[in-house]
């Protein structure tokens, strides 16, 4: 049976990242019109570091193939050529360009920032590694789903609604994913190391039992 201290520690550990993400979500919604400016700063930093060429050469075409497969599963005709994704057939088809800045590398940064605080605490190494692996897999699936949704909106409603979903829906989807991810991680994945300092040792337990035995009733 876990001690009350362990229960309190588990609750405080779960509340810290989830509370931070709730606050971040509120701030993000308030400054959403100005969020593009922050994205431009990240873009300039990535270009200065030389990430743009690598992301455009390797990640964008790979995601294009995966989105093409996802669209085929739901019955929407599409084709891809490198970073270009063609949605629809004939004269009404739309060409969507998956640039290096649209592959979702910003969401990876947000995940790493949340892990810097979310993984603090007395957790086992195995559960930490499982949480990291689950987060990376979840972010990858989120990015494929995000581009797929944009393609579906473009196919059904046109280019302008797709641009709106791309610019604003991505932020909301990322924050919602991180909140759900950490709630799942703390409830299911992360495990605390046994034998915390406040837990009673076997020797202390035997002394307490002996003291209770000598107390007259």
C-alpha atoms as a PDB file:
ATOM      1  CA  UNK A   1       0.000   0.000   0.000  1.00  0.00           C
ATOM      2  CA  UNK A   2       1.421   3.381  -0.944  1.00  0.00           C
ATOM      3  CA  UNK A   3       1.960   5.941   1.815  1.00  0.00           C
ATOM      4  CA  UNK A   4      -0.041   9.182   2.017  1.00  0.00           C
ATOM      5  CA  UNK A   5       3.191  11.028   1.201  1.00  0.00           C
ATOM      6  CA  UNK A   6       3.569   9.077  -2.037  1.00  0.00           C
ATOM      7  CA  UNK A   7      -0.031   9.824  -2.971  1.00  0.00           C
ATOM      8  CA  UNK A   8       0.479  13.519  -2.275  1.00  0.00           C
ATOM      9  CA  UNK A   9       3.719  13.504  -4.228  1.00  0.00           C
ATOM     10  CA  UNK A  10       2.016  11.821  -7.185  1.00  0.00           C
ATOM     11  CA  UNK A  11      -0.767  14.396  -7.199  1.00  0.00           C
ATOM     12  CA  UNK A  12       1.600  17.344  -6.979  1.00  0.00           C
ATOM     13  CA  UNK A  13       3.791  15.897  -9.704  1.00  0.00           C
ATOM     14  CA  UNK A  14       0.837  15.465 -12.020  1.00  0.00           C
ATOM     15  CA  UNK A  15      -0.578  18.879 -11.245  1.00  0.00           C
ATOM     16  CA  UNK A  16       2.671  20.701 -12.053  1.00  0.00           C
ATOM     17  CA  UNK A  17       2.959  19.997 -15.812  1.00  0.00           C
ATOM     18  CA  UNK A  18      -0.790  19.847 -16.408  1.00  0.00           C
ATOM     19  CA  UNK A  19      -1.278  23.157 -14.642  1.00  0.00           C
ATOM     20  CA  UNK A  20       1.578  24.654 -16.608  1.00  0.00           C
ATOM     21  CA  UNK A  21       0.046  23.426 -19.862  1.00  0.00           C
ATOM     22  CA  UNK A  22      -3.366  24.827 -18.939  1.00  0.00           C
ATOM     23  CA  UNK A  23      -1.785  28.197 -18.281  1.00  0.00           C
ATOM     24  CA  UNK A  24       0.155  27.923 -21.538  1.00  0.00           C
ATOM     25  CA  UNK A  25      -3.023  27.072 -23.429  1.00  0.00           C
ATOM     26  CA  UNK A  26      -4.812  30.103 -21.983  1.00  0.00           C
ATOM     27  CA  UNK A  27      -1.925  32.391 -22.886  1.00  0.00           C
ATOM     28  CA  UNK A  28      -1.640  30.864 -26.356  1.00  0.00           C
ATOM     29  CA  UNK A  29      -5.335  31.483 -27.044  1.00  0.00           C
ATOM     30  CA  UNK A  30      -5.035  35.070 -25.852  1.00  0.00           C
ATOM     31  CA  UNK A  31      -2.000  35.846 -27.991  1.00  0.00           C
ATOM     32  CA  UNK A  32      -3.018  33.669 -30.919  1.00  0.00           C
ATOM     33  CA  UNK A  33      -3.088  36.598 -33.388  1.00  0.00           C
ATOM     34  CA  UNK A  34       0.505  37.352 -32.449  1.00  0.00           C
ATOM     35  CA  UNK A  35       1.679  33.768 -32.433  1.00  0.00           C
ATOM     36  CA  UNK A  36       2.880  33.989 -36.036  1.00  0.00           C
ATOM     37  CA  UNK A  37       5.514  36.506 -34.949  1.00  0.00           C
ATOM     38  CA  UNK A  38       6.957  33.988 -32.507  1.00  0.00           C
ATOM     39  CA  UNK A  39       6.873  31.370 -35.249  1.00  0.00           C
ATOM     40  CA  UNK A  40       8.851  33.652 -37.500  1.00  0.00           C
ATOM     41  CA  UNK A  41      11.536  33.990 -34.838  1.00  0.00           C
ATOM     42  CA  UNK A  42      11.769  30.217 -34.543  1.00  0.00           C
ATOM     43  CA  UNK A  43      11.917  29.968 -38.328  1.00  0.00           C
ATOM     44  CA  UNK A  44      14.815  32.401 -38.539  1.00  0.00           C
ATOM     45  CA  UNK A  45      16.671  30.524 -35.803  1.00  0.00           C
ATOM     46  CA  UNK A  46      16.159  27.206 -37.603  1.00  0.00           C
ATOM     47  CA  UNK A  47      17.378  28.669 -40.886  1.00  0.00           C
ATOM     48  CA  UNK A  48      20.452  30.109 -39.181  1.00  0.00           C
ATOM     49  CA  UNK A  49      21.226  26.666 -37.754  1.00  0.00           C
ATOM     50  CA  UNK A  50      20.816  25.005 -41.174  1.00  0.00           C
ATOM     51  CA  UNK A  51      17.842  22.845 -40.207  1.00  0.00           C
ATOM     52  CA  UNK A  52      15.686  24.045 -43.095  1.00  0.00           C
ATOM     53  CA  UNK A  53      17.594  22.145 -45.793  1.00  0.00           C
ATOM     54  CA  UNK A  54      17.617  18.884 -43.822  1.00  0.00           C
ATOM     55  CA  UNK A  55      13.926  19.091 -42.921  1.00  0.00           C
ATOM     56  CA  UNK A  56      12.935  19.958 -46.483  1.00  0.00           C
ATOM     57  CA  UNK A  57      15.028  17.197 -48.026  1.00  0.00           C
ATOM     58  CA  UNK A  58      14.178  14.304 -45.723  1.00  0.00           C
ATOM     59  CA  UNK A  59      11.233  14.944 -43.424  1.00  0.00           C
ATOM     60  CA  UNK A  60       8.814  16.792 -45.755  1.00  0.00           C
ATOM     61  CA  UNK A  61       8.789  14.119 -48.520  1.00  0.00           C
ATOM     62  CA  UNK A  62       8.458  11.361 -45.925  1.00  0.00           C
ATOM     63  CA  UNK A  63       5.461  13.040 -44.310  1.00  0.00           C
ATOM     64  CA  UNK A  64       3.979  13.614 -47.770  1.00  0.00           C
ATOM     65  CA  UNK A  65       3.997   9.853 -48.417  1.00  0.00           C
ATOM     66  CA  UNK A  66       2.393   9.139 -45.052  1.00  0.00           C
ATOM     67  CA  UNK A  67      -0.333  11.746 -45.598  1.00  0.00           C
ATOM     68  CA  UNK A  68      -0.974  10.277 -49.048  1.00  0.00           C
ATOM     69  CA  UNK A  69      -1.522   6.892 -47.415  1.00  0.00           C
ATOM     70  CA  UNK A  70      -3.799   8.390 -44.745  1.00  0.00           C
ATOM     71  CA  UNK A  71      -5.933  10.085 -47.395  1.00  0.00           C
ATOM     72  CA  UNK A  72      -6.209   6.807 -49.298  1.00  0.00           C
ATOM     73  CA  UNK A  73      -7.562   5.120 -46.167  1.00  0.00           C
ATOM     74  CA  UNK A  74     -10.460   7.574 -45.978  1.00  0.00           C
ATOM     75  CA  UNK A  75     -11.174   7.466 -49.706  1.00  0.00           C
ATOM     76  CA  UNK A  76      -9.783  10.832 -50.818  1.00  0.00           C
ATOM     77  CA  UNK A  77      -7.745  10.614 -54.043  1.00  0.00           C
ATOM     78  CA  UNK A  78      -4.268  12.116 -53.822  1.00  0.00           C
ATOM     79  CA  UNK A  79      -0.770  11.881 -55.203  1.00  0.00           C
ATOM     80  CA  UNK A  80       2.601  13.092 -54.035  1.00  0.00           C
ATOM     81  CA  UNK A  81       5.816  14.193 -55.658  1.00  0.00           C
ATOM     82  CA  UNK A  82       8.469  14.930 -53.099  1.00  0.00           C
ATOM     83  CA  UNK A  83       7.168  17.748 -50.924  1.00  0.00           C
ATOM     84  CA  UNK A  84       4.137  18.366 -53.177  1.00  0.00           C
ATOM     85  CA  UNK A  85       0.847  16.734 -52.260  1.00  0.00           C
ATOM     86  CA  UNK A  86      -1.942  16.737 -54.856  1.00  0.00           C
ATOM     87  CA  UNK A  87      -5.434  16.349 -53.409  1.00  0.00           C
ATOM     88  CA  UNK A  88      -8.314  15.434 -55.709  1.00  0.00           C
ATOM     89  CA  UNK A  89      -8.338  14.519 -59.360  1.00  0.00           C
ATOM     90  CA  UNK A  90      -8.718  16.359 -62.636  1.00  0.00           C
ATOM     91  CA  UNK A  91      -9.003  20.103 -62.996  1.00  0.00           C
ATOM     92  CA  UNK A  92     -10.300  20.510 -59.453  1.00  0.00           C
ATOM     93  CA  UNK A  93      -7.229  19.037 -57.772  1.00  0.00           C
ATOM     94  CA  UNK A  94      -5.249  21.159 -55.326  1.00  0.00           C
ATOM     95  CA  UNK A  95      -1.476  21.212 -54.941  1.00  0.00           C
ATOM     96  CA  UNK A  96      -0.339  21.505 -51.314  1.00  0.00           C
ATOM     97  CA  UNK A  97       3.313  22.227 -50.665  1.00  0.00           C
ATOM     98  CA  UNK A  98       4.697  20.708 -47.471  1.00  0.00           C
ATOM     99  CA  UNK A  99       7.521  23.088 -46.666  1.00  0.00           C
ATOM    100  CA  UNK A 100      10.253  22.403 -44.136  1.00  0.00           C
ATOM    101  CA  UNK A 101       8.515  24.823 -41.779  1.00  0.00           C
ATOM    102  CA  UNK A 102       5.261  22.828 -41.864  1.00  0.00           C
ATOM    103  CA  UNK A 103       6.577  19.391 -40.876  1.00  0.00           C
ATOM    104  CA  UNK A 104       5.946  20.025 -37.168  1.00  0.00           C
ATOM    105  CA  UNK A 105       9.411  20.568 -35.757  1.00  0.00           C
ATOM    106  CA  UNK A 106       8.003  23.318 -33.514  1.00  0.00           C
ATOM    107  CA  UNK A 107       5.796  20.764 -31.773  1.00  0.00           C
ATOM    108  CA  UNK A 108       8.898  18.717 -30.974  1.00  0.00           C
ATOM    109  CA  UNK A 109      10.375  21.773 -29.253  1.00  0.00           C
ATOM    110  CA  UNK A 110       7.191  22.209 -27.212  1.00  0.00           C
ATOM    111  CA  UNK A 111       7.343  18.548 -26.199  1.00  0.00           C
ATOM    112  CA  UNK A 112      10.970  18.866 -25.080  1.00  0.00           C
ATOM    113  CA  UNK A 113      10.160  21.967 -23.039  1.00  0.00           C
ATOM    114  CA  UNK A 114       7.281  20.194 -21.304  1.00  0.00           C
ATOM    115  CA  UNK A 115       9.495  17.175 -20.566  1.00  0.00           C
ATOM    116  CA  UNK A 116      12.059  19.420 -18.903  1.00  0.00           C
ATOM    117  CA  UNK A 117       9.553  19.943 -16.081  1.00  0.00           C
ATOM    118  CA  UNK A 118       7.218  16.989 -16.515  1.00  0.00           C
ATOM    119  CA  UNK A 119       9.877  14.341 -15.872  1.00  0.00           C
ATOM    120  CA  UNK A 120      11.158  15.923 -12.673  1.00  0.00           C
ATOM    121  CA  UNK A 121      10.648  13.712  -9.652  1.00  0.00           C
ATOM    122  CA  UNK A 122      11.558  10.273  -8.350  1.00  0.00           C
ATOM    123  CA  UNK A 123      10.534   8.159 -11.329  1.00  0.00           C
ATOM    124  CA  UNK A 124      12.074   4.956 -12.588  1.00  0.00           C
ATOM    125  CA  UNK A 125      14.379   5.129 -15.590  1.00  0.00           C
ATOM    126  CA  UNK A 126      12.234   2.666 -17.500  1.00  0.00           C
ATOM    127  CA  UNK A 127       9.062   4.718 -17.060  1.00  0.00           C
ATOM    128  CA  UNK A 128      10.947   7.875 -18.059  1.00  0.00           C
ATOM    129  CA  UNK A 129      12.172   6.255 -21.275  1.00  0.00           C
ATOM    130  CA  UNK A 130       8.694   4.926 -22.001  1.00  0.00           C
ATOM    131  CA  UNK A 131       7.264   8.413 -21.532  1.00  0.00           C
ATOM    132  CA  UNK A 132       9.842   9.931 -23.907  1.00  0.00           C
ATOM    133  CA  UNK A 133       9.190   7.247 -26.539  1.00  0.00           C
ATOM    134  CA  UNK A 134       5.430   7.668 -26.203  1.00  0.00           C
ATOM    135  CA  UNK A 135       5.738  11.440 -26.519  1.00  0.00           C
ATOM    136  CA  UNK A 136       7.892  11.278 -29.652  1.00  0.00           C
ATOM    137  CA  UNK A 137       5.541   8.746 -31.255  1.00  0.00           C
ATOM    138  CA  UNK A 138       2.514  10.808 -30.317  1.00  0.00           C
ATOM    139  CA  UNK A 139       3.997  14.015 -31.741  1.00  0.00           C
ATOM    140  CA  UNK A 140       4.856  12.225 -34.995  1.00  0.00           C
ATOM    141  CA  UNK A 141       1.294  10.927 -35.308  1.00  0.00           C
ATOM    142  CA  UNK A 142      -0.081  14.370 -34.431  1.00  0.00           C
ATOM    143  CA  UNK A 143       1.916  15.990 -37.232  1.00  0.00           C
ATOM    144  CA  UNK A 144       0.685  13.463 -39.800  1.00  0.00           C
ATOM    145  CA  UNK A 145      -2.889  13.914 -38.578  1.00  0.00           C
ATOM    146  CA  UNK A 146      -2.531  17.695 -38.667  1.00  0.00           C
ATOM    147  CA  UNK A 147      -1.398  17.756 -42.311  1.00  0.00           C
ATOM    148  CA  UNK A 148      -4.057  15.199 -43.228  1.00  0.00           C
ATOM    149  CA  UNK A 149      -6.800  17.345 -41.694  1.00  0.00           C
ATOM    150  CA  UNK A 150      -5.542  20.384 -43.615  1.00  0.00           C
ATOM    151  CA  UNK A 151      -5.621  18.350 -46.833  1.00  0.00           C
ATOM    152  CA  UNK A 152      -9.152  17.120 -46.121  1.00  0.00           C
ATOM    153  CA  UNK A 153     -10.364  20.667 -45.409  1.00  0.00           C
ATOM    154  CA  UNK A 154      -8.730  21.875 -48.630  1.00  0.00           C
ATOM    155  CA  UNK A 155     -10.408  19.056 -50.569  1.00  0.00           C
ATOM    156  CA  UNK A 156     -13.874  19.665 -49.108  1.00  0.00           C
ATOM    157  CA  UNK A 157     -13.987  23.429 -48.536  1.00  0.00           C
ATOM    158  CA  UNK A 158     -11.160  25.041 -50.482  1.00  0.00           C
ATOM    159  CA  UNK A 159      -7.845  26.722 -49.870  1.00  0.00           C
ATOM    160  CA  UNK A 160      -8.834  29.564 -47.525  1.00  0.00           C
ATOM    161  CA  UNK A 161     -10.432  27.357 -44.816  1.00  0.00           C
ATOM    162  CA  UNK A 162      -7.396  25.067 -45.069  1.00  0.00           C
ATOM    163  CA  UNK A 163      -5.072  28.008 -44.425  1.00  0.00           C
ATOM    164  CA  UNK A 164      -7.097  29.010 -41.356  1.00  0.00           C
ATOM    165  CA  UNK A 165      -6.994  25.464 -39.982  1.00  0.00           C
ATOM    166  CA  UNK A 166      -3.265  25.272 -40.712  1.00  0.00           C
ATOM    167  CA  UNK A 167      -2.417  28.543 -38.975  1.00  0.00           C
ATOM    168  CA  UNK A 168      -4.671  28.385 -35.907  1.00  0.00           C
ATOM    169  CA  UNK A 169      -5.750  24.776 -35.504  1.00  0.00           C
ATOM    170  CA  UNK A 170      -2.184  23.547 -35.184  1.00  0.00           C
ATOM    171  CA  UNK A 171      -1.553  25.554 -32.012  1.00  0.00           C
ATOM    172  CA  UNK A 172      -4.765  24.383 -30.358  1.00  0.00           C
ATOM    173  CA  UNK A 173      -4.142  20.764 -31.385  1.00  0.00           C
ATOM    174  CA  UNK A 174      -0.584  20.835 -30.008  1.00  0.00           C
ATOM    175  CA  UNK A 175      -1.603  22.238 -26.618  1.00  0.00           C
ATOM    176  CA  UNK A 176      -4.528  19.795 -26.356  1.00  0.00           C
ATOM    177  CA  UNK A 177      -2.242  16.871 -27.207  1.00  0.00           C
ATOM    178  CA  UNK A 178       0.329  17.852 -24.588  1.00  0.00           C
ATOM    179  CA  UNK A 179      -2.327  18.146 -21.883  1.00  0.00           C
ATOM    180  CA  UNK A 180      -3.777  14.736 -22.747  1.00  0.00           C
ATOM    181  CA  UNK A 181      -0.319  13.205 -23.066  1.00  0.00           C
ATOM    182  CA  UNK A 182       0.842  14.282 -19.610  1.00  0.00           C
ATOM    183  CA  UNK A 183      -2.431  13.292 -17.990  1.00  0.00           C
ATOM    184  CA  UNK A 184      -2.006   9.799 -19.490  1.00  0.00           C
ATOM    185  CA  UNK A 185       1.689   9.653 -18.590  1.00  0.00           C
ATOM    186  CA  UNK A 186       1.116  10.434 -14.912  1.00  0.00           C
ATOM    187  CA  UNK A 187      -1.883   8.150 -14.567  1.00  0.00           C
ATOM    188  CA  UNK A 188      -0.559   5.159 -16.519  1.00  0.00           C
ATOM    189  CA  UNK A 189       3.105   5.300 -17.556  1.00  0.00           C
ATOM    190  CA  UNK A 190       5.272   7.025 -14.940  1.00  0.00           C
ATOM    191  CA  UNK A 191       6.162   4.955 -11.879  1.00  0.00           C
ATOM    192  CA  UNK A 192       7.743   6.298  -8.716  1.00  0.00           C
ATOM    193  CA  UNK A 193      10.875   4.701  -7.306  1.00  0.00           C
ATOM    194  CA  UNK A 194      10.022   2.464  -4.337  1.00  0.00           C
ATOM    195  CA  UNK A 195      11.457   3.165  -0.902  1.00  0.00           C
ATOM    196  CA  UNK A 196      11.064   6.922  -0.733  1.00  0.00           C
ATOM    197  CA  UNK A 197      12.700   8.676   2.236  1.00  0.00           C
ATOM    198  CA  UNK A 198       9.445   9.222   4.104  1.00  0.00           C
ATOM    199  CA  UNK A 199       8.482   5.547   3.933  1.00  0.00           C
ATOM    200  CA  UNK A 200       8.956   3.684   7.196  1.00  0.00           C
ATOM    201  CA  UNK A 201      11.843   1.223   7.219  1.00  0.00           C
ATOM    202  CA  UNK A 202      11.369  -2.392   8.435  1.00  0.00           C
ATOM    203  CA  UNK A 203      13.459  -1.673  11.564  1.00  0.00           C
ATOM    204  CA  UNK A 204      11.362   1.367  12.430  1.00  0.00           C
ATOM    205  CA  UNK A 205       8.210  -0.639  11.859  1.00  0.00           C
ATOM    206  CA  UNK A 206       9.297  -3.390  14.263  1.00  0.00           C
ATOM    207  CA  UNK A 207      10.183  -0.804  16.941  1.00  0.00           C
ATOM    208  CA  UNK A 208       6.781   0.822  16.613  1.00  0.00           C
ATOM    209  CA  UNK A 209       5.072  -2.570  16.899  1.00  0.00           C
ATOM    210  CA  UNK A 210       7.060  -3.397  20.054  1.00  0.00           C
ATOM    211  CA  UNK A 211       6.237  -0.043  21.617  1.00  0.00           C
ATOM    212  CA  UNK A 212       2.550  -0.566  20.951  1.00  0.00           C
ATOM    213  CA  UNK A 213       2.713  -4.040  22.490  1.00  0.00           C
ATOM    214  CA  UNK A 214       4.087  -2.662  25.796  1.00  0.00           C
ATOM    215  CA  UNK A 215       1.392   0.000  26.165  1.00  0.00           C
ATOM    216  CA  UNK A 216      -1.201  -1.225  28.687  1.00  0.00           C
ATOM    217  CA  UNK A 217      -4.730  -1.375  27.455  1.00  0.00           C
END
